[in-house]
Amino acid sequence: MKHIVKNTEPQSLKTYRSTPNASFNDSNKEDIRKSLIEEQGAICAYCMKRISNKWNAKLQKPFTEIEHYKSQDVI
């Protein structure tokens, strides 16, 4: 497994989290996904394959999915 040095969260997420009753489902996942791909060097931390932000037209969603949104340190 690849060691990931975490960057600061995207400003859009920081702002959104301060909104009362905010939920991950309503957040700007595009900003989060771009930030995660960048901080991981476009490499999956588990399988070490290249990842991107390309769109899967058949499934109408990005190929890359966010596995979890809460830090594993607090779970």
PDB file of N, CA and C in Angstrom:
ATOM      1  N   MET A   1       0.840  -1.173   0.000  1.00  0.00           N
ATOM      2  CA  MET A   1       0.000   0.000   0.000  1.00  0.00           C
ATOM      3  C   MET A   1       0.886   1.238   0.000  1.00  0.00           C
ATOM      4  N   LYS A   2       0.495   2.211  -0.782  1.00  0.00           N
ATOM      5  CA  LYS A   2       1.259   3.458  -0.903  1.00  0.00           C
ATOM      6  C   LYS A   2       0.982   4.378   0.288  1.00  0.00           C
ATOM      7  N   HIS A   3       2.036   4.947   0.837  1.00  0.00           N
ATOM      8  CA  HIS A   3       1.888   5.932   1.913  1.00  0.00           C
ATOM      9  C   HIS A   3       1.502   7.264   1.292  1.00  0.00           C
ATOM     10  N   ILE A   4       0.443   7.874   1.812  1.00  0.00           N
ATOM     11  CA  ILE A   4      -0.053   9.150   1.294  1.00  0.00           C
ATOM     12  C   ILE A   4       0.184  10.238   2.328  1.00  0.00           C
ATOM     13  N   VAL A   5       0.889  11.273   1.918  1.00  0.00           N
ATOM     14  CA  VAL A   5       1.058  12.449   2.765  1.00  0.00           C
ATOM     15  C   VAL A   5      -0.125  13.363   2.459  1.00  0.00           C
ATOM     16  N   LYS A   6      -1.002  13.541   3.449  1.00  0.00           N
ATOM     17  CA  LYS A   6      -2.234  14.280   3.229  1.00  0.00           C
ATOM     18  C   LYS A   6      -1.977  15.776   3.095  1.00  0.00           C
ATOM     19  N   ASN A   7      -2.632  16.377   2.098  1.00  0.00           N
ATOM     20  CA  ASN A   7      -2.631  17.822   1.924  1.00  0.00           C
ATOM     21  C   ASN A   7      -3.803  18.399   2.698  1.00  0.00           C
ATOM     22  N   THR A   8      -3.921  19.700   2.702  1.00  0.00           N
ATOM     23  CA  THR A   8      -5.097  20.311   3.312  1.00  0.00           C
ATOM     24  C   THR A   8      -6.302  20.033   2.418  1.00  0.00           C
ATOM     25  N   GLU A   9      -7.470  20.013   3.024  1.00  0.00           N
ATOM     26  CA  GLU A   9      -8.681  19.726   2.254  1.00  0.00           C
ATOM     27  C   GLU A   9      -9.006  20.877   1.311  1.00  0.00           C
ATOM     28  N   PRO A  10      -9.719  20.603   0.219  1.00  0.00           N
ATOM     29  CA  PRO A  10     -10.110  21.678  -0.694  1.00  0.00           C
ATOM     30  C   PRO A  10     -10.954  22.722   0.041  1.00  0.00           C
ATOM     31  N   GLN A  11     -10.796  23.971  -0.329  1.00  0.00           N
ATOM     32  CA  GLN A  11     -11.534  25.048   0.334  1.00  0.00           C
ATOM     33  C   GLN A  11     -13.036  24.829   0.214  1.00  0.00           C
ATOM     34  N   SER A  12     -13.504  24.316  -0.920  1.00  0.00           N
ATOM     35  CA  SER A  12     -14.946  24.082  -1.085  1.00  0.00           C
ATOM     36  C   SER A  12     -15.468  23.087  -0.054  1.00  0.00           C
ATOM     37  N   LEU A  13     -14.677  22.066   0.283  1.00  0.00           N
ATOM     38  CA  LEU A  13     -15.087  21.086   1.283  1.00  0.00           C
ATOM     39  C   LEU A  13     -15.059  21.703   2.677  1.00  0.00           C
ATOM     40  N   LYS A  14     -14.012  22.457   2.963  1.00  0.00           N
ATOM     41  CA  LYS A  14     -13.907  23.111   4.270  1.00  0.00           C
ATOM     42  C   LYS A  14     -15.102  24.033   4.497  1.00  0.00           C
ATOM     43  N   THR A  15     -15.458  24.808   3.498  1.00  0.00           N
ATOM     44  CA  THR A  15     -16.603  25.717   3.597  1.00  0.00           C
ATOM     45  C   THR A  15     -17.897  24.928   3.747  1.00  0.00           C
ATOM     46  N   TYR A  16     -18.053  23.888   2.944  1.00  0.00           N
ATOM     47  CA  TYR A  16     -19.280  23.092   2.981  1.00  0.00           C
ATOM     48  C   TYR A  16     -19.459  22.397   4.323  1.00  0.00           C
ATOM     49  N   ARG A  17     -18.383  21.859   4.879  1.00  0.00           N
ATOM     50  CA  ARG A  17     -18.475  21.161   6.173  1.00  0.00           C
ATOM     51  C   ARG A  17     -18.957  22.079   7.289  1.00  0.00           C
ATOM     52  N   SER A  18     -18.740  23.379   7.152  1.00  0.00           N
ATOM     53  CA  SER A  18     -19.186  24.317   8.184  1.00  0.00           C
ATOM     54  C   SER A  18     -20.678  24.653   8.056  1.00  0.00           C
ATOM     55  N   THR A  19     -21.322  24.148   7.018  1.00  0.00           N
ATOM     56  CA  THR A  19     -22.750  24.364   6.805  1.00  0.00           C
ATOM     57  C   THR A  19     -23.551  23.412   7.702  1.00  0.00           C
ATOM     58  N   PRO A  20     -24.541  23.932   8.447  1.00  0.00           N
ATOM     59  CA  PRO A  20     -25.362  23.040   9.281  1.00  0.00           C
ATOM     60  C   PRO A  20     -26.023  21.947   8.430  1.00  0.00           C
ATOM     61  N   ASN A  21     -26.046  20.738   8.963  1.00  0.00           N
ATOM     62  CA  ASN A  21     -26.650  19.562   8.310  1.00  0.00           C
ATOM     63  C   ASN A  21     -25.997  19.185   6.985  1.00  0.00           C
ATOM     64  N   ALA A  22     -24.748  19.561   6.792  1.00  0.00           N
ATOM     65  CA  ALA A  22     -24.030  19.203   5.563  1.00  0.00           C
ATOM     66  C   ALA A  22     -23.842  17.679   5.520  1.00  0.00           C
ATOM     67  N   SER A  23     -23.964  17.120   4.323  1.00  0.00           N
ATOM     68  CA  SER A  23     -23.706  15.689   4.163  1.00  0.00           C
ATOM     69  C   SER A  23     -22.793  15.491   2.964  1.00  0.00           C
ATOM     70  N   PHE A  24     -22.049  14.411   2.986  1.00  0.00           N
ATOM     71  CA  PHE A  24     -21.124  14.123   1.902  1.00  0.00           C
ATOM     72  C   PHE A  24     -21.859  14.001   0.567  1.00  0.00           C
ATOM     73  N   ASN A  25     -23.047  13.440   0.583  1.00  0.00           N
ATOM     74  CA  ASN A  25     -23.799  13.220  -0.660  1.00  0.00           C
ATOM     75  C   ASN A  25     -24.096  14.511  -1.404  1.00  0.00           C
ATOM     76  N   ASP A  26     -24.167  15.621  -0.680  1.00  0.00           N
ATOM     77  CA  ASP A  26     -24.481  16.907  -1.308  1.00  0.00           C
ATOM     78  C   ASP A  26     -23.249  17.773  -1.549  1.00  0.00           C
ATOM     79  N   SER A  27     -22.079  17.271  -1.223  1.00  0.00           N
ATOM     80  CA  SER A  27     -20.852  18.065  -1.365  1.00  0.00           C
ATOM     81  C   SER A  27     -20.352  18.063  -2.808  1.00  0.00           C
ATOM     82  N   ASN A  28     -19.365  18.928  -3.083  1.00  0.00           N
ATOM     83  CA  ASN A  28     -18.762  19.012  -4.411  1.00  0.00           C
ATOM     84  C   ASN A  28     -17.706  17.915  -4.544  1.00  0.00           C
ATOM     85  N   LYS A  29     -18.135  16.751  -4.958  1.00  0.00           N
ATOM     86  CA  LYS A  29     -17.220  15.603  -5.045  1.00  0.00           C
ATOM     87  C   LYS A  29     -16.144  15.802  -6.108  1.00  0.00           C
ATOM     88  N   GLU A  30     -16.427  16.620  -7.103  1.00  0.00           N
ATOM     89  CA  GLU A  30     -15.438  16.862  -8.158  1.00  0.00           C
ATOM     90  C   GLU A  30     -14.186  17.514  -7.570  1.00  0.00           C
ATOM     91  N   ASP A  31     -14.354  18.528  -6.724  1.00  0.00           N
ATOM     92  CA  ASP A  31     -13.208  19.166  -6.071  1.00  0.00           C
ATOM     93  C   ASP A  31     -12.458  18.182  -5.188  1.00  0.00           C
ATOM     94  N   ILE A  32     -13.204  17.364  -4.460  1.00  0.00           N
ATOM     95  CA  ILE A  32     -12.590  16.377  -3.565  1.00  0.00           C
ATOM     96  C   ILE A  32     -11.804  15.363  -4.384  1.00  0.00           C
ATOM     97  N   ARG A  33     -12.415  14.847  -5.446  1.00  0.00           N
ATOM     98  CA  ARG A  33     -11.759  13.839  -6.296  1.00  0.00           C
ATOM     99  C   ARG A  33     -10.473  14.389  -6.910  1.00  0.00           C
ATOM    100  N   LYS A  34     -10.529  15.613  -7.436  1.00  0.00           N
ATOM    101  CA  LYS A  34      -9.336  16.224  -8.040  1.00  0.00           C
ATOM    102  C   LYS A  34      -8.219  16.373  -7.008  1.00  0.00           C
ATOM    103  N   SER A  35      -8.573  16.799  -5.811  1.00  0.00           N
ATOM    104  CA  SER A  35      -7.578  16.974  -4.754  1.00  0.00           C
ATOM    105  C   SER A  35      -6.943  15.638  -4.370  1.00  0.00           C
ATOM    106  N   LEU A  36      -7.770  14.607  -4.229  1.00  0.00           N
ATOM    107  CA  LEU A  36      -7.256  13.291  -3.851  1.00  0.00           C
ATOM    108  C   LEU A  36      -6.350  12.701  -4.933  1.00  0.00           C
ATOM    109  N   ILE A  37      -6.755  12.832  -6.192  1.00  0.00           N
ATOM    110  CA  ILE A  37      -5.926  12.313  -7.291  1.00  0.00           C
ATOM    111  C   ILE A  37      -4.582  13.029  -7.312  1.00  0.00           C
ATOM    112  N   GLU A  38      -4.601  14.335  -7.110  1.00  0.00           N
ATOM    113  CA  GLU A  38      -3.352  15.101  -7.096  1.00  0.00           C
ATOM    114  C   GLU A  38      -2.447  14.686  -5.940  1.00  0.00           C
ATOM    115  N   GLU A  39      -3.005  14.579  -4.727  1.00  0.00           N
ATOM    116  CA  GLU A  39      -2.145  14.257  -3.586  1.00  0.00           C
ATOM    117  C   GLU A  39      -1.631  12.822  -3.647  1.00  0.00           C
ATOM    118  N   GLN A  40      -2.320  11.934  -4.353  1.00  0.00           N
ATOM    119  CA  GLN A  40      -1.857  10.561  -4.493  1.00  0.00           C
ATOM    120  C   GLN A  40      -0.949  10.381  -5.699  1.00  0.00           C
ATOM    121  N   GLY A  41      -0.679  11.457  -6.415  1.00  0.00           N
ATOM    122  CA  GLY A  41       0.183  11.364  -7.586  1.00  0.00           C
ATOM    123  C   GLY A  41      -0.453  10.542  -8.694  1.00  0.00           C
ATOM    124  N   ALA A  42      -1.802  10.540  -8.749  1.00  0.00           N
ATOM    125  CA  ALA A  42      -2.573   9.800  -9.757  1.00  0.00           C
ATOM    126  C   ALA A  42      -2.300   8.296  -9.711  1.00  0.00           C
ATOM    127  N   ILE A  43      -2.000   7.798  -8.511  1.00  0.00           N
ATOM    128  CA  ILE A  43      -1.755   6.371  -8.299  1.00  0.00           C
ATOM    129  C   ILE A  43      -2.689   5.876  -7.199  1.00  0.00           C
ATOM    130  N   CYS A  44      -3.352   4.738  -7.411  1.00  0.00           N
ATOM    131  CA  CYS A  44      -4.200   4.147  -6.394  1.00  0.00           C
ATOM    132  C   CYS A  44      -3.321   3.677  -5.232  1.00  0.00           C
ATOM    133  N   ALA A  45      -3.676   4.064  -4.017  1.00  0.00           N
ATOM    134  CA  ALA A  45      -2.884   3.701  -2.840  1.00  0.00           C
ATOM    135  C   ALA A  45      -2.926   2.195  -2.557  1.00  0.00           C
ATOM    136  N   TYR A  46      -3.940   1.502  -3.068  1.00  0.00           N
ATOM    137  CA  TYR A  46      -4.065   0.067  -2.817  1.00  0.00           C
ATOM    138  C   TYR A  46      -3.401  -0.790  -3.877  1.00  0.00           C
ATOM    139  N   CYS A  47      -3.795  -0.576  -5.135  1.00  0.00           N
ATOM    140  CA  CYS A  47      -3.314  -1.471  -6.201  1.00  0.00           C
ATOM    141  C   CYS A  47      -2.170  -0.870  -7.012  1.00  0.00           C
ATOM    142  N   MET A  48      -1.842   0.402  -6.788  1.00  0.00           N
ATOM    143  CA  MET A  48      -0.741   1.110  -7.445  1.00  0.00           C
ATOM    144  C   MET A  48      -0.975   1.329  -8.943  1.00  0.00           C
ATOM    145  N   LYS A  49      -2.215   1.193  -9.409  1.00  0.00           N
ATOM    146  CA  LYS A  49      -2.533   1.490 -10.804  1.00  0.00           C
ATOM    147  C   LYS A  49      -2.782   2.981 -10.965  1.00  0.00           C
ATOM    148  N   ARG A  50      -2.597   3.470 -12.187  1.00  0.00           N
ATOM    149  CA  ARG A  50      -2.868   4.883 -12.493  1.00  0.00           C
ATOM    150  C   ARG A  50      -4.359   5.145 -12.323  1.00  0.00           C
ATOM    151  N   ILE A  51      -4.686   6.295 -11.783  1.00  0.00           N
ATOM    152  CA  ILE A  51      -6.074   6.721 -11.678  1.00  0.00           C
ATOM    153  C   ILE A  51      -6.219   8.090 -12.319  1.00  0.00           C
ATOM    154  N   SER A  52      -7.421   8.397 -12.752  1.00  0.00           N
ATOM    155  CA  SER A  52      -7.655   9.684 -13.397  1.00  0.00           C
ATOM    156  C   SER A  52      -9.052  10.178 -13.042  1.00  0.00           C
ATOM    157  N   ASN A  53      -9.374  11.320 -13.564  1.00  0.00           N
ATOM    158  CA  ASN A  53     -10.680  11.908 -13.339  1.00  0.00           C
ATOM    159  C   ASN A  53     -11.556  11.757 -14.583  1.00  0.00           C
ATOM    160  N   LYS A  54     -11.253  10.774 -15.423  1.00  0.00           N
ATOM    161  CA  LYS A  54     -12.012  10.569 -16.657  1.00  0.00           C
ATOM    162  C   LYS A  54     -13.433  10.117 -16.355  1.00  0.00           C
ATOM    163  N   TRP A  55     -14.341  10.509 -17.223  1.00  0.00           N
ATOM    164  CA  TRP A  55     -15.761  10.227 -17.082  1.00  0.00           C
ATOM    165  C   TRP A  55     -16.122   8.908 -17.754  1.00  0.00           C
ATOM    166  N   ASN A  56     -16.906   8.072 -17.068  1.00  0.00           N
ATOM    167  CA  ASN A  56     -17.409   6.827 -17.626  1.00  0.00           C
ATOM    168  C   ASN A  56     -18.798   7.115 -18.201  1.00  0.00           C
ATOM    169  N   ALA A  57     -18.871   7.307 -19.501  1.00  0.00           N
ATOM    170  CA  ALA A  57     -20.134   7.680 -20.150  1.00  0.00           C
ATOM    171  C   ALA A  57     -21.199   6.597 -19.984  1.00  0.00           C
ATOM    172  N   LYS A  58     -20.793   5.355 -19.992  1.00  0.00           N
ATOM    173  CA  LYS A  58     -21.756   4.259 -19.864  1.00  0.00           C
ATOM    174  C   LYS A  58     -22.447   4.286 -18.496  1.00  0.00           C
ATOM    175  N   LEU A  59     -21.669   4.522 -17.441  1.00  0.00           N
ATOM    176  CA  LEU A  59     -22.229   4.537 -16.089  1.00  0.00           C
ATOM    177  C   LEU A  59     -22.641   5.929 -15.620  1.00  0.00           C
ATOM    178  N   GLN A  60     -22.306   6.944 -16.413  1.00  0.00           N
ATOM    179  CA  GLN A  60     -22.616   8.340 -16.080  1.00  0.00           C
ATOM    180  C   GLN A  60     -22.033   8.773 -14.733  1.00  0.00           C
ATOM    181  N   LYS A  61     -20.759   8.408 -14.536  1.00  0.00           N
ATOM    182  CA  LYS A  61     -20.024   8.819 -13.342  1.00  0.00           C
ATOM    183  C   LYS A  61     -18.536   8.663 -13.621  1.00  0.00           C
ATOM    184  N   PRO A  62     -17.692   9.289 -12.809  1.00  0.00           N
ATOM    185  CA  PRO A  62     -16.245   9.133 -13.024  1.00  0.00           C
ATOM    186  C   PRO A  62     -15.809   7.678 -12.807  1.00  0.00           C
ATOM    187  N   PHE A  63     -14.737   7.282 -13.481  1.00  0.00           N
ATOM    188  CA  PHE A  63     -14.174   5.949 -13.262  1.00  0.00           C
ATOM    189  C   PHE A  63     -13.651   5.812 -11.835  1.00  0.00           C
ATOM    190  N   THR A  64     -13.049   6.879 -11.322  1.00  0.00           N
ATOM    191  CA  THR A  64     -12.457   6.866  -9.984  1.00  0.00           C
ATOM    192  C   THR A  64     -13.504   7.254  -8.953  1.00  0.00           C
ATOM    193  N   GLU A  65     -13.642   6.427  -7.905  1.00  0.00           N
ATOM    194  CA  GLU A  65     -14.597   6.708  -6.848  1.00  0.00           C
ATOM    195  C   GLU A  65     -13.857   7.002  -5.551  1.00  0.00           C
ATOM    196  N   ILE A  66     -14.486   7.798  -4.710  1.00  0.00           N
ATOM    197  CA  ILE A  66     -13.930   8.122  -3.399  1.00  0.00           C
ATOM    198  C   ILE A  66     -14.395   7.032  -2.444  1.00  0.00           C
ATOM    199  N   GLU A  67     -13.444   6.315  -1.851  1.00  0.00           N
ATOM    200  CA  GLU A  67     -13.801   5.181  -1.005  1.00  0.00           C
ATOM    201  C   GLU A  67     -14.403   5.612   0.320  1.00  0.00           C
ATOM    202  N   HIS A  68     -13.799   6.593   0.971  1.00  0.00           N
ATOM    203  CA  HIS A  68     -14.341   7.101   2.219  1.00  0.00           C
ATOM    204  C   HIS A  68     -14.034   8.581   2.315  1.00  0.00           C
ATOM    205  N   TYR A  69     -14.825   9.291   3.076  1.00  0.00           N
ATOM    206  CA  TYR A  69     -14.611  10.721   3.166  1.00  0.00           C
ATOM    207  C   TYR A  69     -14.259  11.172   4.569  1.00  0.00           C
ATOM    208  N   LYS A  70     -14.379  10.293   5.540  1.00  0.00           N
ATOM    209  CA  LYS A  70     -13.944  10.628   6.895  1.00  0.00           C
ATOM    210  C   LYS A  70     -12.546  10.077   7.078  1.00  0.00           C
ATOM    211  N   SER A  71     -11.697  10.858   7.722  1.00  0.00           N
ATOM    212  CA  SER A  71     -10.334  10.418   7.966  1.00  0.00           C
ATOM    213  C   SER A  71     -10.340   9.106   8.718  1.00  0.00           C
ATOM    214  N   GLN A  72      -9.504   8.179   8.313  1.00  0.00           N
ATOM    215  CA  GLN A  72      -9.415   6.892   8.998  1.00  0.00           C
ATOM    216  C   GLN A  72      -8.841   7.048  10.401  1.00  0.00           C
ATOM    217  N   ASP A  73      -8.202   8.189  10.684  1.00  0.00           N
ATOM    218  CA  ASP A  73      -7.680   8.442  12.022  1.00  0.00           C
ATOM    219  C   ASP A  73      -8.791   8.623  13.047  1.00  0.00           C
ATOM    220  N   VAL A  74      -9.974   9.054  12.612  1.00  0.00           N
ATOM    221  CA  VAL A  74     -11.063   9.338  13.556  1.00  0.00           C
ATOM    222  C   VAL A  74     -12.146   8.284  13.552  1.00  0.00           C
ATOM    223  N   ILE A  75     -12.045   7.292  12.685  1.00  0.00           N
ATOM    224  CA  ILE A  75     -13.063   6.239  12.631  1.00  0.00           C
ATOM    225  C   ILE A  75     -12.741   5.159  13.641  1.00  0.00           C
TER     226      ILE A  75
END
